[in-house]
Amino acid sequence: MEAWELAAREEIRELVARYAHYADGGRFDELAALFTDDGELRIDDRPALRGRGAIRAFLGGTRDDLAASPVVRAIRHHVTSHRIDVTAHDAASGACYFLVVSDQGPDHWGRYRDRYAVCDGAWRFAERRVRVDGAPPGSWAAARRSSQR
């Protein structure tokens, strides 16, 4: 493996970590900036959110839903088993698992499938696909999913 690929992998790991930290901290402007200008966020079978503005608006709604929760005060994303495939100096893909824990315990879990691209000299999400695999009954995510159906 060449030095440029090692550097790319480390920058992509930092990108994924920032996503989790910004989400947990409600820093959605900074989170949206982790995407390319035309980046996409796809969550389960919902229509794709295209562009930073659409991503930011959706996450603002998520923040409002969480703030309205009578039980959950904080969430923390834990990301594991991150696999990165660097295909070029400016393109890569990746996959990892996530577990979201609230102050009430495990909230929901699933998988991320990503495409990364270099934009303005930094690695960004070109596409992030989120698949929620499960949520315990009574969790914030389970209640939110049932209210959106």
Foldseek 3Di string as FASTA:
>chain_A
DDPLVVVQVVLVVVLVVVLQVCLQVVVLLVNLVLADQQAWEAEAPDDIQTGSVSSSVVSVVVVVLQVPDPPFDTKGKDKDDKDKADDDSFKIKIKIKIWMATPVGTAWIWMWTFIWGQDPNGIGTNYIYTYIPDGDPPHSVVVVVVVVD
